[in-house]
C-alpha atoms as a PDB file:
ATOM      1  CA  MET A   1      -0.018   0.028  -0.008  1.00  0.00           C
ATOM      2  CA  SER A   2       1.661   3.120  -1.185  1.00  0.00           C
ATOM      3  CA  GLY A   3      -0.992   5.659   0.080  1.00  0.00           C
ATOM      4  CA  THR A   4      -1.726   7.039  -3.426  1.00  0.00           C
ATOM      5  CA  ARG A   5      -5.180   7.805  -4.597  1.00  0.00           C
ATOM      6  CA  ALA A   6      -4.924   5.181  -7.322  1.00  0.00           C
ATOM      7  CA  ASP A   7      -5.256   2.361  -4.744  1.00  0.00           C
ATOM      8  CA  ALA A   8      -7.801   4.418  -2.671  1.00  0.00           C
ATOM      9  CA  SER A   9      -6.257   3.484   0.723  1.00  0.00           C
ATOM     10  CA  SER A  10      -3.603   4.784   3.009  1.00  0.00           C
ATOM     11  CA  GLY A  11      -0.667   2.895   4.473  1.00  0.00           C
ATOM     12  CA  THR A  12      -2.812   2.145   7.556  1.00  0.00           C
ATOM     13  CA  GLY A  13      -5.502   0.404   5.501  1.00  0.00           C
ATOM     14  CA  GLN A  14      -7.975   3.281   5.826  1.00  0.00           C
ATOM     15  CA  PRO A  15      -9.461   4.755   2.676  1.00  0.00           C
ATOM     16  CA  VAL A  16      -8.207   8.138   1.546  1.00  0.00           C
ATOM     17  CA  PRO A  17     -11.009  10.751   1.875  1.00  0.00           C
ATOM     18  CA  LYS A  18     -12.103  12.364  -1.265  1.00  0.00           C
ATOM     19  CA  ARG A  19     -11.157  16.004  -1.764  1.00  0.00           C
ATOM     20  CA  ARG A  20     -13.930  18.615  -1.942  1.00  0.00           C
ATOM     21  CA  ARG A  21     -14.338  20.139  -5.301  1.00  0.00           C
ATOM     22  CA  GLY A  22     -15.413  23.522  -6.464  1.00  0.00           C
ATOM     23  CA  LEU A  23     -16.492  26.273  -4.105  1.00  0.00           C
ATOM     24  CA  TRP A  24     -17.436  23.895  -1.251  1.00  0.00           C
ATOM     25  CA  ARG A  25     -13.805  23.541  -0.322  1.00  0.00           C
ATOM     26  CA  TYR A  26     -13.809  27.252   0.681  1.00  0.00           C
ATOM     27  CA  ALA A  27     -16.967  27.053   2.848  1.00  0.00           C
ATOM     28  CA  PRO A  28     -15.190  26.751   6.194  1.00  0.00           C
ATOM     29  CA  LEU A  29     -13.017  29.732   5.317  1.00  0.00           C
ATOM     30  CA  VAL A  30     -16.111  31.752   4.262  1.00  0.00           C
ATOM     31  CA  VAL A  31     -17.933  30.916   7.477  1.00  0.00           C
ATOM     32  CA  ALA A  32     -14.952  31.871   9.605  1.00  0.00           C
ATOM     33  CA  ALA A  33     -14.505  35.178   7.836  1.00  0.00           C
ATOM     34  CA  TRP A  34     -18.245  35.794   8.178  1.00  0.00           C
ATOM     35  CA  LEU A  35     -18.026  35.257  11.971  1.00  0.00           C
ATOM     36  CA  VAL A  36     -14.971  37.435  12.387  1.00  0.00           C
ATOM     37  CA  LEU A  37     -16.639  40.308  10.384  1.00  0.00           C
ATOM     38  CA  GLU A  38     -19.842  39.919  12.369  1.00  0.00           C
ATOM     39  CA  ILE A  39     -18.025  40.165  15.697  1.00  0.00           C
ATOM     40  CA  TRP A  40     -15.960  43.134  14.477  1.00  0.00           C
ATOM     41  CA  LEU A  41     -19.176  44.936  13.360  1.00  0.00           C
ATOM     42  CA  LEU A  42     -20.828  44.285  16.681  1.00  0.00           C
ATOM     43  CA  ILE A  43     -17.815  45.658  18.550  1.00  0.00           C
ATOM     44  CA  GLN A  44     -17.922  48.756  16.297  1.00  0.00           C
ATOM     45  CA  LEU A  45     -21.718  49.183  16.924  1.00  0.00           C
ATOM     46  CA  THR A  46     -21.092  48.825  20.728  1.00  0.00           C
ATOM     47  CA  GLY A  47     -18.600  51.670  20.491  1.00  0.00           C
ATOM     48  CA  TRP A  48     -21.265  53.896  18.841  1.00  0.00           C
ATOM     49  CA  VAL A  49     -24.429  53.017  20.850  1.00  0.00           C
ATOM     50  CA  GLY A  50     -23.006  51.339  24.035  1.00  0.00           C
ATOM     51  CA  TRP A  51     -23.659  47.979  25.494  1.00  0.00           C
ATOM     52  CA  PHE A  52     -27.309  48.727  26.449  1.00  0.00           C
ATOM     53  CA  GLY A  53     -27.970  50.020  22.894  1.00  0.00           C
ATOM     54  CA  LEU A  54     -26.478  46.866  21.417  1.00  0.00           C
ATOM     55  CA  PHE A  55     -28.621  44.674  23.657  1.00  0.00           C
ATOM     56  CA  VAL A  56     -31.755  46.554  22.615  1.00  0.00           C
ATOM     57  CA  TYR A  57     -30.760  46.238  18.991  1.00  0.00           C
ATOM     58  CA  LEU A  58     -30.153  42.464  19.179  1.00  0.00           C
ATOM     59  CA  LEU A  59     -33.308  41.890  21.147  1.00  0.00           C
ATOM     60  CA  ALA A  60     -35.475  44.005  18.761  1.00  0.00           C
ATOM     61  CA  SER A  61     -33.907  42.201  15.796  1.00  0.00           C
ATOM     62  CA  ALA A  62     -34.703  38.822  17.278  1.00  0.00           C
ATOM     63  CA  LEU A  63     -38.290  39.837  18.141  1.00  0.00           C
ATOM     64  CA  VAL A  64     -38.879  41.193  14.693  1.00  0.00           C
ATOM     65  CA  GLY A  65     -37.396  37.936  13.170  1.00  0.00           C
ATOM     66  CA  GLY A  66     -39.766  35.829  15.290  1.00  0.00           C
ATOM     67  CA  TRP A  67     -42.741  37.919  14.211  1.00  0.00           C
ATOM     68  CA  VAL A  68     -41.760  37.571  10.571  1.00  0.00           C
ATOM     69  CA  ILE A  69     -41.511  33.797  10.798  1.00  0.00           C
ATOM     70  CA  LYS A  70     -44.859  33.607  12.631  1.00  0.00           C
ATOM     71  CA  ARG A  71     -46.537  35.799  10.018  1.00  0.00           C
ATOM     72  CA  ALA A  72     -45.023  33.853   7.084  1.00  0.00           C
ATOM     73  CA  GLY A  73     -46.096  30.531   8.617  1.00  0.00           C
ATOM     74  CA  LEU A  74     -49.596  31.651   9.307  1.00  0.00           C
ATOM     75  CA  ARG A  75     -49.938  33.108   5.748  1.00  0.00           C
ATOM     76  CA  ALA A  76     -48.722  29.824   4.263  1.00  0.00           C
ATOM     77  CA  LEU A  77     -51.160  27.808   6.446  1.00  0.00           C
ATOM     78  CA  ARG A  78     -54.052  30.070   5.408  1.00  0.00           C
ATOM     79  CA  SER A  79     -53.180  29.722   1.764  1.00  0.00           C
ATOM     80  CA  ALA A  80     -52.752  25.957   2.044  1.00  0.00           C
ATOM     81  CA  THR A  81     -56.135  25.524   3.647  1.00  0.00           C
ATOM     82  CA  ALA A  82     -57.739  27.651   0.945  1.00  0.00           C
ATOM     83  CA  GLY A  83     -56.128  25.454  -1.743  1.00  0.00           C
ATOM     84  CA  LYS A  84     -53.838  28.175  -3.048  1.00  0.00           C
ATOM     85  CA  GLY A  85     -50.090  28.129  -3.341  1.00  0.00           C
ATOM     86  CA  GLU A  86     -47.976  30.613  -1.381  1.00  0.00           C
ATOM     87  CA  ALA A  87     -44.865  31.880  -3.153  1.00  0.00           C
ATOM     88  CA  GLY A  88     -42.033  33.341  -1.138  1.00  0.00           C
ATOM     89  CA  THR A  89     -42.645  31.687   2.180  1.00  0.00           C
ATOM     90  CA  ALA A  90     -39.170  30.121   2.278  1.00  0.00           C
ATOM     91  CA  VAL A  91     -37.567  33.462   1.582  1.00  0.00           C
ATOM     92  CA  SER A  92     -39.613  35.127   4.314  1.00  0.00           C
ATOM     93  CA  ILE A  93     -38.698  32.408   6.803  1.00  0.00           C
ATOM     94  CA  ALA A  94     -35.072  32.667   5.816  1.00  0.00           C
ATOM     95  CA  GLY A  95     -35.284  36.416   6.372  1.00  0.00           C
ATOM     96  CA  GLY A  96     -36.815  35.955   9.761  1.00  0.00           C
ATOM     97  CA  LEU A  97     -34.021  33.419  10.742  1.00  0.00           C
ATOM     98  CA  LEU A  98     -31.386  35.815   9.595  1.00  0.00           C
ATOM     99  CA  LEU A  99     -32.926  38.547  11.689  1.00  0.00           C
ATOM    100  CA  ILE A 100     -32.942  36.242  14.756  1.00  0.00           C
ATOM    101  CA  ILE A 101     -29.176  35.477  14.333  1.00  0.00           C
ATOM    102  CA  PRO A 102     -27.180  38.104  16.206  1.00  0.00           C
ATOM    103  CA  GLY A 103     -25.147  40.201  13.939  1.00  0.00           C
ATOM    104  CA  VAL A 104     -25.269  43.190  11.576  1.00  0.00           C
ATOM    105  CA  LEU A 105     -24.592  41.421   8.318  1.00  0.00           C
ATOM    106  CA  SER A 106     -27.116  38.663   8.973  1.00  0.00           C
ATOM    107  CA  ASP A 107     -29.693  41.379   9.783  1.00  0.00           C
ATOM    108  CA  LEU A 108     -28.916  43.148   6.480  1.00  0.00           C
ATOM    109  CA  LEU A 109     -29.317  39.884   4.619  1.00  0.00           C
ATOM    110  CA  GLY A 110     -32.576  39.203   6.513  1.00  0.00           C
ATOM    111  CA  LEU A 111     -33.939  42.650   5.518  1.00  0.00           C
ATOM    112  CA  ALA A 112     -32.925  41.925   1.907  1.00  0.00           C
ATOM    113  CA  CYS A 113     -34.995  38.705   2.040  1.00  0.00           C
ATOM    114  CA  LEU A 114     -37.978  40.807   3.211  1.00  0.00           C
ATOM    115  CA  PHE A 115     -37.631  43.737   0.817  1.00  0.00           C
ATOM    116  CA  PRO A 116     -39.883  42.954  -2.146  1.00  0.00           C
ATOM    117  CA  PRO A 117     -37.540  43.618  -5.117  1.00  0.00           C
ATOM    118  CA  THR A 118     -34.651  41.558  -3.657  1.00  0.00           C
ATOM    119  CA  ALA A 119     -36.995  38.921  -2.304  1.00  0.00           C
ATOM    120  CA  ALA A 120     -38.293  38.317  -5.828  1.00  0.00           C
ATOM    121  CA  LEU A 121     -34.661  37.781  -7.003  1.00  0.00           C
ATOM    122  CA  LEU A 122     -33.933  35.504  -4.085  1.00  0.00           C
ATOM    123  CA  ARG A 123     -36.973  33.308  -4.742  1.00  0.00           C
ATOM    124  CA  ARG A 124     -35.433  32.161  -8.018  1.00  0.00           C
ATOM    125  CA  ILE A 125     -32.072  31.075  -6.594  1.00  0.00           C
ATOM    126  CA  PRO A 126     -33.360  27.795  -4.872  1.00  0.00           C
ATOM    127  CA  ASP A 127     -35.078  26.699  -8.015  1.00  0.00           C
ATOM    128  CA  ARG A 128     -31.795  26.906  -9.955  1.00  0.00           C
ATOM    129  CA  PHE A 129     -29.862  24.950  -7.358  1.00  0.00           C
ATOM    130  CA  ILE A 130     -32.506  22.307  -6.755  1.00  0.00           C
ATOM    131  CA  ARG A 131     -33.052  21.740 -10.466  1.00  0.00           C
ATOM    132  CA  ARG A 132     -29.387  21.068 -10.944  1.00  0.00           C
ATOM    133  CA  SER A 133     -28.779  19.058  -7.784  1.00  0.00           C
ATOM    134  CA  ALA A 134     -29.326  15.446  -6.907  1.00  0.00           C
ATOM    135  CA  GLY A 135     -30.792  13.950  -3.801  1.00  0.00           C
ATOM    136  CA  PRO A 136     -34.093  13.589  -1.943  1.00  0.00           C
ATOM    137  CA  ILE A 137     -34.968  17.303  -1.905  1.00  0.00           C
ATOM    138  CA  ALA A 138     -34.368  17.657  -5.628  1.00  0.00           C
ATOM    139  CA  ASP A 139     -36.384  14.493  -6.368  1.00  0.00           C
ATOM    140  CA  ALA A 140     -39.301  15.827  -4.256  1.00  0.00           C
ATOM    141  CA  TYR A 141     -39.135  19.118  -6.006  1.00  0.00           C
ATOM    142  CA  ARG A 142     -39.233  17.542  -9.405  1.00  0.00           C
ATOM    143  CA  LEU A 143     -42.043  15.239  -8.359  1.00  0.00           C
ATOM    144  CA  GLN A 144     -44.074  18.275  -7.163  1.00  0.00           C
ATOM    145  CA  GLU A 145     -43.551  19.892 -10.532  1.00  0.00           C
ATOM    146  CA  GLN A 146     -44.738  16.718 -12.336  1.00  0.00           C
ATOM    147  CA  LEU A 147     -47.865  16.339 -10.213  1.00  0.00           C
ATOM    148  CA  ARG A 148     -49.216  19.726 -11.178  1.00  0.00           C
ATOM    149  CA  ILE A 149     -51.901  20.015 -13.832  1.00  0.00           C
ATOM    150  CA  HIS A 150     -51.262  22.541 -16.583  1.00  0.00           C
ATOM    151  CA  ARG A 151     -54.227  24.250 -18.144  1.00  0.00           C
ATOM    152  CA  PRO A 152     -54.231  25.316 -21.768  1.00  0.00           C
ATOM    153  CA  ASP A 153     -53.871  28.979 -20.870  1.00  0.00           C
ATOM    154  CA  GLY A 154     -50.622  28.311 -19.083  1.00  0.00           C
ATOM    155  CA  LYS A 155     -51.861  28.480 -15.456  1.00  0.00           C
ATOM    156  CA  VAL A 156     -50.737  25.827 -13.156  1.00  0.00           C
ATOM    157  CA  VAL A 157     -53.502  24.227 -11.111  1.00  0.00           C
ATOM    158  CA  PRO A 158     -52.664  21.732  -8.290  1.00  0.00           C
ATOM    159  CA  GLY A 159     -55.224  18.869  -8.360  1.00  0.00           C
ATOM    160  CA  GLU A 160     -55.835  15.232  -8.644  1.00  0.00           C
ATOM    161  CA  VAL A 161     -55.462  13.122 -11.724  1.00  0.00           C
ATOM    162  CA  ILE A 162     -58.434  10.731 -12.255  1.00  0.00           C
ATOM    163  CA  VAL A 163     -57.394   7.685 -14.269  1.00  0.00           C
ATOM    164  CA  GLY A 164     -60.174   6.403 -16.496  1.00  0.00           C
ATOM    165  CA  GLU A 165     -61.690   6.325 -19.938  1.00  0.00           C
ATOM    166  CA  VAL A 166     -62.767   9.449 -21.624  1.00  0.00           C
ATOM    167  CA  VAL A 167     -66.350   9.140 -22.938  1.00  0.00           C
ATOM    168  CA  ASP A 168     -67.043  11.564 -25.684  1.00  0.00           C
ATOM    169  CA  GLN A 169     -70.500  12.518 -27.037  1.00  0.00           C
ATOM    170  CA  ASP A 170     -69.135  13.483 -30.509  1.00  0.00           C
ATOM    171  CA  GLY A 171     -67.609  10.139 -31.415  1.00  0.00           C
ATOM    172  CA  PRO A 172     -64.044   8.861 -31.790  1.00  0.00           C
ATOM    173  CA  SER A 173     -62.705  11.818 -33.879  1.00  0.00           C
ATOM    174  CA  ARG A 174     -62.300  14.064 -30.781  1.00  0.00           C
ATOM    175  CA  ALA A 175     -61.161  11.263 -28.511  1.00  0.00           C
ATOM    176  CA  GLN A 176     -58.205  10.623 -30.817  1.00  0.00           C
ATOM    177  CA  GLN A 177     -56.843  14.089 -30.098  1.00  0.00           C
ATOM    178  CA  PRO A 178     -57.326  14.619 -26.400  1.00  0.00           C
ATOM    179  CA  TYR A 179     -54.549  17.298 -26.071  1.00  0.00           C
ATOM    180  CA  ASP A 180     -55.413  19.497 -29.006  1.00  0.00           C
ATOM    181  CA  TYR A 181     -55.653  22.841 -27.266  1.00  0.00           C
ATOM    182  CA  GLY A 182     -55.575  24.901 -30.437  1.00  0.00           C
ATOM    183  CA  ARG A 183     -58.883  23.815 -31.739  1.00  0.00           C
ATOM    184  CA  ARG A 184     -62.123  25.798 -31.185  1.00  0.00           C
ATOM    185  CA  ASP A 185     -65.019  23.982 -29.724  1.00  0.00           C
ATOM    186  CA  GLN A 186     -68.565  24.996 -30.290  1.00  0.00           C
ATOM    187  CA  LEU A 187     -68.908  27.659 -27.635  1.00  0.00           C
ATOM    188  CA  GLY A 188     -72.133  29.173 -28.776  1.00  0.00           C
END
């Protein structure tokens, strides 16, 4: 055993771990830099407003974040019971969580998640990552897209698919083309 990657084991008989590829290899460095910057900004803020002002700021930020999460959850629950889909709930909840996390940068990102123009941009990001990724979350997302029923006018309507035979009054000519949305029926 020479410990090379070709034989996939080290001299001790243990497999050699695979190296991370792409940007994920820098994730620990980015998190550490983020934490250092958050602490530095909190220290600077303490110099401007004092310890009591910092405490009030962090407490108010956490309370607003909790209120945002509660409001987003209730809005999603109401829309789910009404049978409508709720867009942007995940972005609102992420904004609330970022507001709860103590720090100035996390609060700025949380507010960006709640500000309508940036929230609209942030709603598109998970779709891109989930569509390209593999795993159970991506599979569930794709399955949800497949289970939607598309109407001819382009609107997406969630519903049930009833398997059965189509019985047509006009004869077999219309039954042979069940998905011909371009034709005009006799509407009156």
